[in-house]
Amino acid sequence: NAIAYLNYLEQHRDMAVLEMQRTKIPASITLAQVLLETNAGRSILATKGNNHFGIKCRSRTGFRRDGVIDDNDFNFHSLAIDCMQMKDDYVWDRFEVYRTAGDSYRRHSLLLQDRRYGWMLHRYEVGGIYRISKSIYGHYEVPYYAAWSVGLKQSGYATARTYAEILTLIIETYQLWRIDYEAIG
């Protein structure tokens, strides 16, 4: 897995840096999420749908989860070209499909800029140490990337109980924070 992670980082690092320069979302966060969400680009979502972040299609108003499911029950973002069915939390889950990995990275940035997650953009800037309300690894004062990780989990990005800890561990293991410093350098 380590070699697959390093190869993925080498291939996709520039997209994360470009999005960081465009949006201020740390490349370390983007890359840790993509490594976790797609097993370094090896998931079916990434290989068949160019969806590198597990971004779901939105169900339409009035969608009933107990009946026959139709693809017309789902909407996808304008950067996406379709939805594909994959069981995640539920059998009716649909995920966005993109033409390119770059479209997937751009969509991820747009998602993290919306009001649900966007509050972190100016609160946790690269290089800072921040006080957080929920401890991570027993600490309440953490580097910006750990604060982002906790913020994503608290804002509902993922259902995994240890999501923030896993993202932080990936960032520290692969020293992804260095990419952030190089990008602002």
N, C-alpha and C. Protein backbone atom coordinates (compact mmCIF):
# COMPACT_ATOMS: atom_id res chain seq x y z
N ASN A 1 0.81 -1.21 0.00
CA ASN A 1 0.00 0.00 0.00
C ASN A 1 0.85 1.27 0.00
N ALA A 2 1.97 1.24 0.71
CA ALA A 2 2.80 2.44 0.78
C ALA A 2 3.29 2.85 -0.60
N ILE A 3 3.68 1.89 -1.42
CA ILE A 3 4.15 2.21 -2.78
C ILE A 3 3.01 2.77 -3.62
N ALA A 4 1.83 2.18 -3.49
CA ALA A 4 0.66 2.69 -4.22
C ALA A 4 0.34 4.12 -3.78
N TYR A 5 0.43 4.38 -2.49
CA TYR A 5 0.18 5.74 -1.98
C TYR A 5 1.20 6.72 -2.56
N LEU A 6 2.47 6.35 -2.52
CA LEU A 6 3.52 7.25 -3.03
C LEU A 6 3.38 7.49 -4.52
N ASN A 7 3.04 6.46 -5.29
CA ASN A 7 2.83 6.62 -6.73
C ASN A 7 1.65 7.54 -7.00
N TYR A 8 0.57 7.36 -6.25
CA TYR A 8 -0.60 8.21 -6.43
C TYR A 8 -0.23 9.67 -6.11
N LEU A 9 0.47 9.87 -5.03
CA LEU A 9 0.86 11.23 -4.65
C LEU A 9 1.71 11.89 -5.73
N GLU A 10 2.62 11.13 -6.30
CA GLU A 10 3.48 11.65 -7.37
C GLU A 10 2.65 12.07 -8.59
N GLN A 11 1.65 11.26 -8.93
CA GLN A 11 0.82 11.53 -10.12
C GLN A 11 -0.17 12.66 -9.92
N HIS A 12 -0.70 12.84 -8.70
CA HIS A 12 -1.81 13.76 -8.50
C HIS A 12 -1.51 14.96 -7.60
N ARG A 13 -0.32 15.04 -7.12
CA ARG A 13 0.08 16.13 -6.22
C ARG A 13 -0.20 17.51 -6.82
N ASP A 14 0.13 17.68 -8.09
CA ASP A 14 -0.03 19.00 -8.72
C ASP A 14 -1.48 19.46 -8.74
N MET A 15 -2.42 18.53 -8.90
CA MET A 15 -3.84 18.91 -8.89
C MET A 15 -4.24 19.45 -7.52
N ALA A 16 -3.75 18.80 -6.46
CA ALA A 16 -4.07 19.24 -5.10
C ALA A 16 -3.45 20.62 -4.82
N VAL A 17 -2.23 20.83 -5.30
CA VAL A 17 -1.56 22.12 -5.11
C VAL A 17 -2.30 23.21 -5.88
N LEU A 18 -2.70 22.92 -7.11
CA LEU A 18 -3.46 23.89 -7.90
C LEU A 18 -4.75 24.28 -7.18
N GLU A 19 -5.45 23.30 -6.64
CA GLU A 19 -6.69 23.61 -5.92
C GLU A 19 -6.40 24.39 -4.64
N MET A 20 -5.29 24.11 -3.99
CA MET A 20 -4.93 24.86 -2.79
C MET A 20 -4.67 26.33 -3.15
N GLN A 21 -3.95 26.55 -4.23
CA GLN A 21 -3.67 27.93 -4.66
C GLN A 21 -4.95 28.65 -5.07
N ARG A 22 -5.88 27.91 -5.62
CA ARG A 22 -7.14 28.48 -6.07
C ARG A 22 -8.09 28.75 -4.91
N THR A 23 -8.08 27.88 -3.88
CA THR A 23 -9.14 27.91 -2.87
C THR A 23 -8.68 28.03 -1.42
N LYS A 24 -7.41 27.83 -1.12
CA LYS A 24 -6.85 27.82 0.23
C LYS A 24 -7.16 26.54 1.01
N ILE A 25 -7.71 25.54 0.36
CA ILE A 25 -7.90 24.23 1.00
C ILE A 25 -6.55 23.54 0.99
N PRO A 26 -6.01 23.19 2.16
CA PRO A 26 -4.67 22.60 2.19
C PRO A 26 -4.56 21.36 1.30
N ALA A 27 -3.52 21.31 0.50
CA ALA A 27 -3.27 20.15 -0.36
C ALA A 27 -3.13 18.89 0.48
N SER A 28 -2.60 19.03 1.69
CA SER A 28 -2.44 17.87 2.57
C SER A 28 -3.79 17.25 2.90
N ILE A 29 -4.79 18.05 3.13
CA ILE A 29 -6.14 17.55 3.41
C ILE A 29 -6.71 16.87 2.18
N THR A 30 -6.61 17.54 1.04
CA THR A 30 -7.12 16.96 -0.20
C THR A 30 -6.46 15.62 -0.47
N LEU A 31 -5.16 15.56 -0.36
CA LEU A 31 -4.44 14.31 -0.67
C LEU A 31 -4.72 13.22 0.36
N ALA A 32 -4.82 13.57 1.62
CA ALA A 32 -5.15 12.55 2.63
C ALA A 32 -6.54 12.00 2.39
N GLN A 33 -7.49 12.87 2.05
CA GLN A 33 -8.84 12.40 1.77
C GLN A 33 -8.87 11.48 0.56
N VAL A 34 -8.16 11.85 -0.49
CA VAL A 34 -8.19 11.04 -1.70
C VAL A 34 -7.51 9.69 -1.48
N LEU A 35 -6.44 9.66 -0.71
CA LEU A 35 -5.78 8.38 -0.41
C LEU A 35 -6.71 7.47 0.36
N LEU A 36 -7.41 8.05 1.33
CA LEU A 36 -8.32 7.27 2.15
C LEU A 36 -9.58 6.86 1.38
N GLU A 37 -10.20 7.80 0.69
CA GLU A 37 -11.48 7.54 0.03
C GLU A 37 -11.38 6.54 -1.12
N THR A 38 -10.25 6.53 -1.81
CA THR A 38 -10.15 5.67 -3.01
C THR A 38 -9.02 4.66 -2.95
N ASN A 39 -8.43 4.48 -1.77
CA ASN A 39 -7.29 3.57 -1.65
C ASN A 39 -6.24 3.90 -2.70
N ALA A 40 -5.83 5.15 -2.70
CA ALA A 40 -4.82 5.66 -3.63
C ALA A 40 -5.24 5.50 -5.09
N GLY A 41 -6.50 5.82 -5.36
CA GLY A 41 -6.98 5.79 -6.73
C GLY A 41 -7.31 4.41 -7.27
N ARG A 42 -7.31 3.40 -6.42
CA ARG A 42 -7.55 2.03 -6.87
C ARG A 42 -8.99 1.57 -6.70
N SER A 43 -9.84 2.40 -6.15
CA SER A 43 -11.24 1.99 -5.96
C SER A 43 -11.99 2.00 -7.29
N ILE A 44 -13.12 1.33 -7.32
CA ILE A 44 -13.96 1.31 -8.52
C ILE A 44 -14.45 2.71 -8.85
N LEU A 45 -14.80 3.49 -7.82
CA LEU A 45 -15.24 4.86 -8.06
C LEU A 45 -14.18 5.67 -8.80
N ALA A 46 -12.92 5.51 -8.41
CA ALA A 46 -11.84 6.27 -9.05
C ALA A 46 -11.52 5.72 -10.44
N THR A 47 -11.44 4.40 -10.56
CA THR A 47 -11.02 3.82 -11.84
C THR A 47 -12.11 3.88 -12.91
N LYS A 48 -13.35 3.68 -12.52
CA LYS A 48 -14.45 3.67 -13.51
C LYS A 48 -15.20 4.99 -13.61
N GLY A 49 -15.19 5.78 -12.52
CA GLY A 49 -15.96 7.01 -12.51
C GLY A 49 -15.15 8.27 -12.31
N ASN A 50 -13.83 8.17 -12.25
CA ASN A 50 -12.97 9.34 -11.99
C ASN A 50 -13.42 10.11 -10.76
N ASN A 51 -14.11 9.44 -9.83
CA ASN A 51 -14.55 10.07 -8.59
C ASN A 51 -13.53 9.72 -7.52
N HIS A 52 -12.65 10.66 -7.22
CA HIS A 52 -11.55 10.41 -6.31
C HIS A 52 -11.85 10.78 -4.86
N PHE A 53 -13.09 11.21 -4.58
CA PHE A 53 -13.42 11.64 -3.23
C PHE A 53 -14.70 11.02 -2.69
N GLY A 54 -15.30 10.13 -3.41
CA GLY A 54 -16.54 9.49 -2.94
C GLY A 54 -17.69 10.47 -2.83
N ILE A 55 -17.74 11.45 -3.72
CA ILE A 55 -18.81 12.44 -3.69
C ILE A 55 -20.08 11.84 -4.27
N LYS A 56 -21.14 11.92 -3.49
CA LYS A 56 -22.42 11.31 -3.87
C LYS A 56 -23.27 12.25 -4.70
N CYS A 57 -24.10 11.65 -5.55
CA CYS A 57 -25.16 12.39 -6.23
C CYS A 57 -26.21 12.71 -5.18
N ARG A 58 -26.91 13.78 -5.37
CA ARG A 58 -27.95 14.20 -4.43
C ARG A 58 -29.28 13.59 -4.85
N SER A 59 -30.03 13.09 -3.88
CA SER A 59 -31.35 12.57 -4.21
C SER A 59 -32.30 13.76 -4.41
N ARG A 60 -33.22 13.58 -5.32
CA ARG A 60 -34.20 14.63 -5.61
C ARG A 60 -35.24 14.72 -4.50
N THR A 61 -35.87 15.84 -4.39
CA THR A 61 -36.94 16.04 -3.42
C THR A 61 -38.03 15.00 -3.67
N GLY A 62 -38.50 14.40 -2.61
CA GLY A 62 -39.56 13.41 -2.72
C GLY A 62 -39.07 12.00 -2.99
N PHE A 63 -37.76 11.82 -3.11
CA PHE A 63 -37.20 10.49 -3.36
C PHE A 63 -37.55 9.57 -2.19
N ARG A 64 -38.10 8.40 -2.52
CA ARG A 64 -38.48 7.43 -1.48
C ARG A 64 -37.53 6.25 -1.53
N ARG A 65 -36.91 5.98 -0.42
CA ARG A 65 -35.90 4.92 -0.36
C ARG A 65 -36.50 3.53 -0.21
N ASP A 66 -37.80 3.43 -0.14
CA ASP A 66 -38.41 2.12 0.06
C ASP A 66 -39.05 1.57 -1.21
N GLY A 67 -38.93 2.28 -2.30
CA GLY A 67 -39.56 1.85 -3.54
C GLY A 67 -38.54 1.52 -4.61
N VAL A 68 -38.99 1.50 -5.83
CA VAL A 68 -38.12 1.25 -6.97
C VAL A 68 -37.24 2.47 -7.17
N ILE A 69 -35.97 2.22 -7.36
CA ILE A 69 -35.02 3.33 -7.50
C ILE A 69 -34.74 3.55 -8.98
N ASP A 70 -34.84 4.77 -9.38
CA ASP A 70 -34.65 5.16 -10.77
C ASP A 70 -33.51 6.17 -10.81
N ASP A 71 -32.69 6.12 -11.86
CA ASP A 71 -31.60 7.08 -11.96
C ASP A 71 -32.10 8.52 -12.01
N ASN A 72 -33.34 8.72 -12.41
CA ASN A 72 -33.91 10.07 -12.44
C ASN A 72 -34.19 10.59 -11.04
N ASP A 73 -34.02 9.76 -10.02
CA ASP A 73 -34.22 10.19 -8.64
C ASP A 73 -33.02 10.97 -8.10
N PHE A 74 -31.97 11.12 -8.91
CA PHE A 74 -30.74 11.73 -8.43
C PHE A 74 -30.29 12.87 -9.33
N ASN A 75 -29.68 13.87 -8.70
CA ASN A 75 -29.06 15.00 -9.40
C ASN A 75 -27.56 14.92 -9.21
N PHE A 76 -26.81 15.42 -10.19
CA PHE A 76 -25.37 15.52 -10.02
C PHE A 76 -24.91 16.91 -10.39
N HIS A 77 -23.75 17.28 -9.89
CA HIS A 77 -23.18 18.61 -10.09
C HIS A 77 -22.85 18.81 -11.57
N SER A 78 -22.76 20.06 -11.99
CA SER A 78 -22.48 20.36 -13.39
C SER A 78 -21.10 19.87 -13.85
N LEU A 79 -20.16 19.68 -12.94
CA LEU A 79 -18.86 19.12 -13.33
C LEU A 79 -18.94 17.62 -13.60
N ALA A 80 -19.95 16.97 -13.06
CA ALA A 80 -20.12 15.53 -13.25
C ALA A 80 -20.87 15.27 -14.55
N ILE A 81 -20.73 14.05 -15.05
CA ILE A 81 -21.42 13.68 -16.29
C ILE A 81 -22.49 12.62 -16.06
N ASP A 82 -22.53 12.04 -14.87
CA ASP A 82 -23.49 10.98 -14.60
C ASP A 82 -23.42 10.58 -13.13
N CYS A 83 -24.26 9.64 -12.75
CA CYS A 83 -24.21 9.00 -11.44
C CYS A 83 -24.00 7.51 -11.66
N MET A 84 -23.28 6.87 -10.74
CA MET A 84 -23.16 5.42 -10.80
C MET A 84 -23.55 4.83 -9.44
N GLN A 85 -24.21 3.68 -9.51
CA GLN A 85 -24.67 3.04 -8.28
C GLN A 85 -23.55 2.23 -7.64
N MET A 86 -23.39 2.45 -6.35
CA MET A 86 -22.44 1.68 -5.54
C MET A 86 -23.06 1.62 -4.15
N LYS A 87 -22.95 0.51 -3.50
CA LYS A 87 -23.44 0.43 -2.12
C LYS A 87 -22.39 1.05 -1.21
N ASP A 88 -22.80 2.04 -0.46
CA ASP A 88 -21.94 2.66 0.55
C ASP A 88 -22.65 2.47 1.87
N ASP A 89 -23.34 3.49 2.32
CA ASP A 89 -24.15 3.37 3.53
C ASP A 89 -25.45 2.62 3.22
N TYR A 90 -25.95 2.78 1.99
CA TYR A 90 -27.22 2.19 1.58
C TYR A 90 -27.12 1.64 0.17
N VAL A 91 -27.99 0.71 -0.18
CA VAL A 91 -27.96 0.11 -1.53
C VAL A 91 -28.35 1.12 -2.60
N TRP A 92 -29.05 2.17 -2.22
CA TRP A 92 -29.50 3.14 -3.22
C TRP A 92 -28.51 4.29 -3.43
N ASP A 93 -27.36 4.24 -2.82
CA ASP A 93 -26.39 5.32 -2.99
C ASP A 93 -25.94 5.43 -4.45
N ARG A 94 -25.82 6.66 -4.91
CA ARG A 94 -25.30 6.95 -6.24
C ARG A 94 -24.15 7.94 -6.07
N PHE A 95 -23.13 7.78 -6.89
CA PHE A 95 -21.93 8.61 -6.81
C PHE A 95 -21.71 9.33 -8.13
N GLU A 96 -21.21 10.56 -8.05
CA GLU A 96 -20.95 11.33 -9.25
C GLU A 96 -19.84 10.68 -10.07
N VAL A 97 -19.95 10.84 -11.40
CA VAL A 97 -18.97 10.35 -12.36
C VAL A 97 -18.42 11.58 -13.09
N TYR A 98 -17.09 11.62 -13.27
CA TYR A 98 -16.43 12.76 -13.91
C TYR A 98 -15.66 12.32 -15.15
N ARG A 99 -15.47 13.25 -16.07
CA ARG A 99 -14.67 12.96 -17.26
C ARG A 99 -13.20 12.72 -16.90
N THR A 100 -12.69 13.54 -15.96
CA THR A 100 -11.27 13.48 -15.61
C THR A 100 -11.09 13.53 -14.10
N ALA A 101 -9.91 13.11 -13.66
CA ALA A 101 -9.56 13.24 -12.25
C ALA A 101 -9.54 14.71 -11.85
N GLY A 102 -9.09 15.57 -12.76
CA GLY A 102 -9.06 17.01 -12.49
C GLY A 102 -10.45 17.57 -12.17
N ASP A 103 -11.47 17.09 -12.89
CA ASP A 103 -12.84 17.52 -12.60
C ASP A 103 -13.25 17.08 -11.20
N SER A 104 -12.82 15.89 -10.81
CA SER A 104 -13.12 15.39 -9.47
C SER A 104 -12.45 16.25 -8.40
N TYR A 105 -11.20 16.63 -8.62
CA TYR A 105 -10.49 17.49 -7.67
C TYR A 105 -11.17 18.85 -7.57
N ARG A 106 -11.57 19.40 -8.70
CA ARG A 106 -12.25 20.71 -8.70
C ARG A 106 -13.57 20.62 -7.95
N ARG A 107 -14.31 19.53 -8.19
CA ARG A 107 -15.60 19.34 -7.51
C ARG A 107 -15.40 19.23 -6.00
N HIS A 108 -14.36 18.54 -5.58
CA HIS A 108 -14.05 18.42 -4.16
C HIS A 108 -13.81 19.80 -3.55
N SER A 109 -13.05 20.63 -4.25
CA SER A 109 -12.80 21.99 -3.76
C SER A 109 -14.09 22.78 -3.63
N LEU A 110 -14.95 22.68 -4.63
CA LEU A 110 -16.22 23.41 -4.57
C LEU A 110 -17.06 22.91 -3.40
N LEU A 111 -17.05 21.62 -3.16
CA LEU A 111 -17.80 21.07 -2.04
C LEU A 111 -17.27 21.62 -0.71
N LEU A 112 -15.95 21.66 -0.55
CA LEU A 112 -15.38 22.13 0.71
C LEU A 112 -15.47 23.64 0.88
N GLN A 113 -15.81 24.35 -0.18
CA GLN A 113 -16.00 25.80 -0.08
C GLN A 113 -17.42 26.17 0.31
N ASP A 114 -18.36 25.22 0.25
CA ASP A 114 -19.74 25.58 0.57
C ASP A 114 -19.87 25.83 2.07
N ARG A 115 -21.03 26.29 2.50
CA ARG A 115 -21.18 26.74 3.89
C ARG A 115 -21.02 25.63 4.92
N ARG A 116 -21.28 24.39 4.53
CA ARG A 116 -21.16 23.28 5.47
C ARG A 116 -19.71 23.08 5.94
N TYR A 117 -18.77 23.27 5.01
CA TYR A 117 -17.35 23.06 5.32
C TYR A 117 -16.51 24.33 5.21
N GLY A 118 -16.99 25.29 4.48
CA GLY A 118 -16.21 26.48 4.15
C GLY A 118 -15.78 27.32 5.34
N TRP A 119 -16.42 27.14 6.48
CA TRP A 119 -16.05 27.91 7.68
C TRP A 119 -14.59 27.68 8.07
N MET A 120 -14.00 26.57 7.63
CA MET A 120 -12.61 26.26 8.01
C MET A 120 -11.59 27.04 7.19
N LEU A 121 -12.00 27.56 6.04
CA LEU A 121 -11.06 28.21 5.13
C LEU A 121 -10.28 29.35 5.77
N HIS A 122 -10.93 30.15 6.57
CA HIS A 122 -10.25 31.29 7.18
C HIS A 122 -9.92 31.06 8.65
N ARG A 123 -10.45 29.98 9.21
CA ARG A 123 -10.18 29.68 10.61
C ARG A 123 -8.89 28.89 10.79
N TYR A 124 -8.58 27.97 9.85
CA TYR A 124 -7.42 27.09 9.99
C TYR A 124 -6.48 27.27 8.82
N GLU A 125 -5.64 28.27 8.90
CA GLU A 125 -4.72 28.55 7.81
C GLU A 125 -3.44 27.73 7.95
N VAL A 126 -2.84 27.44 6.81
CA VAL A 126 -1.62 26.62 6.77
C VAL A 126 -0.55 27.22 7.68
N GLY A 127 0.05 26.37 8.49
CA GLY A 127 1.13 26.78 9.36
C GLY A 127 0.73 27.07 10.79
N GLY A 128 -0.56 27.26 11.02
CA GLY A 128 -1.01 27.63 12.36
C GLY A 128 -1.24 26.45 13.28
N ILE A 129 -1.27 26.76 14.57
CA ILE A 129 -1.64 25.81 15.62
C ILE A 129 -2.97 26.34 16.18
N TYR A 130 -3.96 25.45 16.29
CA TYR A 130 -5.30 25.90 16.65
C TYR A 130 -5.88 25.08 17.80
N ARG A 131 -6.70 25.76 18.58
CA ARG A 131 -7.45 25.10 19.65
C ARG A 131 -8.74 24.55 19.04
N ILE A 132 -9.02 23.28 19.33
CA ILE A 132 -10.22 22.63 18.80
C ILE A 132 -11.10 22.17 19.96
N SER A 133 -12.38 21.95 19.67
CA SER A 133 -13.33 21.60 20.72
C SER A 133 -13.33 20.11 21.05
N LYS A 134 -12.93 19.28 20.12
CA LYS A 134 -12.87 17.83 20.34
C LYS A 134 -11.41 17.41 20.20
N SER A 135 -10.91 16.71 21.17
CA SER A 135 -9.49 16.35 21.11
C SER A 135 -9.22 15.32 20.02
N ILE A 136 -8.02 15.37 19.52
CA ILE A 136 -7.55 14.36 18.57
C ILE A 136 -6.23 13.84 19.12
N TYR A 137 -6.16 12.55 19.28
CA TYR A 137 -4.99 11.91 19.90
C TYR A 137 -4.66 12.55 21.25
N GLY A 138 -5.71 12.98 21.97
CA GLY A 138 -5.54 13.53 23.31
C GLY A 138 -5.12 14.99 23.36
N HIS A 139 -5.09 15.66 22.21
CA HIS A 139 -4.64 17.06 22.16
C HIS A 139 -5.78 17.99 21.73
N TYR A 140 -5.80 19.16 22.36
CA TYR A 140 -6.77 20.19 22.00
C TYR A 140 -6.12 21.34 21.22
N GLU A 141 -4.81 21.40 21.23
CA GLU A 141 -4.09 22.37 20.40
C GLU A 141 -3.32 21.57 19.37
N VAL A 142 -3.67 21.81 18.11
CA VAL A 142 -3.17 20.94 17.03
C VAL A 142 -2.76 21.76 15.82
N PRO A 143 -1.96 21.17 14.94
CA PRO A 143 -1.63 21.85 13.69
C PRO A 143 -2.89 22.02 12.81
N TYR A 144 -2.82 22.97 11.92
CA TYR A 144 -3.94 23.29 11.03
C TYR A 144 -4.56 22.07 10.37
N TYR A 145 -3.75 21.13 9.91
CA TYR A 145 -4.30 19.97 9.19
C TYR A 145 -5.10 19.06 10.11
N ALA A 146 -4.72 18.94 11.38
CA ALA A 146 -5.51 18.15 12.33
C ALA A 146 -6.81 18.88 12.65
N ALA A 147 -6.76 20.21 12.74
CA ALA A 147 -7.98 21.00 12.95
C ALA A 147 -8.93 20.84 11.78
N TRP A 148 -8.40 20.86 10.57
CA TRP A 148 -9.22 20.61 9.37
C TRP A 148 -9.84 19.21 9.44
N SER A 149 -9.05 18.23 9.83
CA SER A 149 -9.55 16.85 9.90
C SER A 149 -10.71 16.74 10.87
N VAL A 150 -10.57 17.34 12.04
CA VAL A 150 -11.64 17.34 13.03
C VAL A 150 -12.85 18.11 12.50
N GLY A 151 -12.60 19.25 11.88
CA GLY A 151 -13.68 20.06 11.32
C GLY A 151 -14.47 19.32 10.26
N LEU A 152 -13.79 18.59 9.40
CA LEU A 152 -14.49 17.80 8.37
C LEU A 152 -15.38 16.75 9.01
N LYS A 153 -14.85 16.05 9.99
CA LYS A 153 -15.64 15.02 10.67
C LYS A 153 -16.84 15.64 11.37
N GLN A 154 -16.62 16.72 12.11
CA GLN A 154 -17.71 17.36 12.84
C GLN A 154 -18.77 17.95 11.91
N SER A 155 -18.37 18.33 10.70
CA SER A 155 -19.31 18.89 9.74
C SER A 155 -20.03 17.83 8.92
N GLY A 156 -19.71 16.57 9.17
CA GLY A 156 -20.45 15.49 8.53
C GLY A 156 -19.89 14.98 7.23
N TYR A 157 -18.61 15.25 6.93
CA TYR A 157 -18.05 14.78 5.66
C TYR A 157 -18.06 13.26 5.56
N ALA A 158 -17.79 12.58 6.66
CA ALA A 158 -17.70 11.11 6.63
C ALA A 158 -18.41 10.52 7.85
N THR A 159 -18.83 9.27 7.70
CA THR A 159 -19.51 8.60 8.80
C THR A 159 -18.56 7.80 9.68
N ALA A 160 -17.36 7.53 9.23
CA ALA A 160 -16.40 6.75 10.02
C ALA A 160 -16.09 7.48 11.33
N ARG A 161 -16.19 6.79 12.43
CA ARG A 161 -15.99 7.38 13.75
C ARG A 161 -14.60 7.97 13.91
N THR A 162 -13.58 7.35 13.33
CA THR A 162 -12.19 7.79 13.50
C THR A 162 -11.66 8.52 12.26
N TYR A 163 -12.55 9.12 11.50
CA TYR A 163 -12.15 9.78 10.25
C TYR A 163 -11.06 10.82 10.47
N ALA A 164 -11.21 11.68 11.47
CA ALA A 164 -10.24 12.75 11.72
C ALA A 164 -8.88 12.16 12.09
N GLU A 165 -8.88 11.14 12.90
CA GLU A 165 -7.62 10.52 13.30
C GLU A 165 -6.92 9.86 12.11
N ILE A 166 -7.69 9.22 11.26
CA ILE A 166 -7.10 8.55 10.09
C ILE A 166 -6.50 9.57 9.13
N LEU A 167 -7.23 10.65 8.85
CA LEU A 167 -6.69 11.70 7.97
C LEU A 167 -5.40 12.27 8.54
N THR A 168 -5.41 12.57 9.83
CA THR A 168 -4.21 13.13 10.47
C THR A 168 -3.05 12.16 10.40
N LEU A 169 -3.31 10.91 10.64
CA LEU A 169 -2.27 9.88 10.57
C LEU A 169 -1.68 9.79 9.16
N ILE A 170 -2.51 9.84 8.13
CA ILE A 170 -2.03 9.80 6.75
C ILE A 170 -1.15 11.01 6.47
N ILE A 171 -1.60 12.19 6.88
CA ILE A 171 -0.83 13.42 6.66
C ILE A 171 0.53 13.34 7.33
N GLU A 172 0.55 12.86 8.56
CA GLU A 172 1.81 12.80 9.28
C GLU A 172 2.71 11.67 8.77
N THR A 173 2.14 10.54 8.43
CA THR A 173 2.93 9.41 7.93
C THR A 173 3.64 9.76 6.63
N TYR A 174 2.93 10.42 5.72
CA TYR A 174 3.50 10.76 4.41
C TYR A 174 4.01 12.20 4.35
N GLN A 175 4.02 12.87 5.48
CA GLN A 175 4.48 14.25 5.61
C GLN A 175 3.87 15.16 4.54
N LEU A 176 2.58 15.02 4.37
CA LEU A 176 1.87 15.80 3.36
C LEU A 176 1.85 17.29 3.68
N TRP A 177 2.02 17.64 4.94
CA TRP A 177 2.06 19.05 5.33
C TRP A 177 3.19 19.77 4.61
N ARG A 178 4.26 19.04 4.25
CA ARG A 178 5.37 19.65 3.52
C ARG A 178 4.91 20.23 2.17
N ILE A 179 3.98 19.55 1.54
CA ILE A 179 3.44 20.02 0.26
C ILE A 179 2.77 21.37 0.45
N ASP A 180 2.04 21.54 1.53
CA ASP A 180 1.40 22.82 1.83
C ASP A 180 2.41 23.94 1.97
N TYR A 181 3.47 23.68 2.74
CA TYR A 181 4.51 24.69 2.94
C TYR A 181 5.22 25.04 1.64
N GLU A 182 5.48 24.03 0.80
CA GLU A 182 6.10 24.29 -0.50
C GLU A 182 5.19 25.13 -1.38
N ALA A 183 3.89 24.87 -1.31
CA ALA A 183 2.93 25.59 -2.16
C ALA A 183 2.81 27.06 -1.78
N ILE A 184 2.98 27.36 -0.49
CA ILE A 184 2.87 28.77 -0.09
C ILE A 184 4.22 29.45 -0.03
N GLY A 185 5.29 28.62 -0.14
CA GLY A 185 6.68 29.02 -0.02
C GLY A 185 7.08 30.23 -0.71
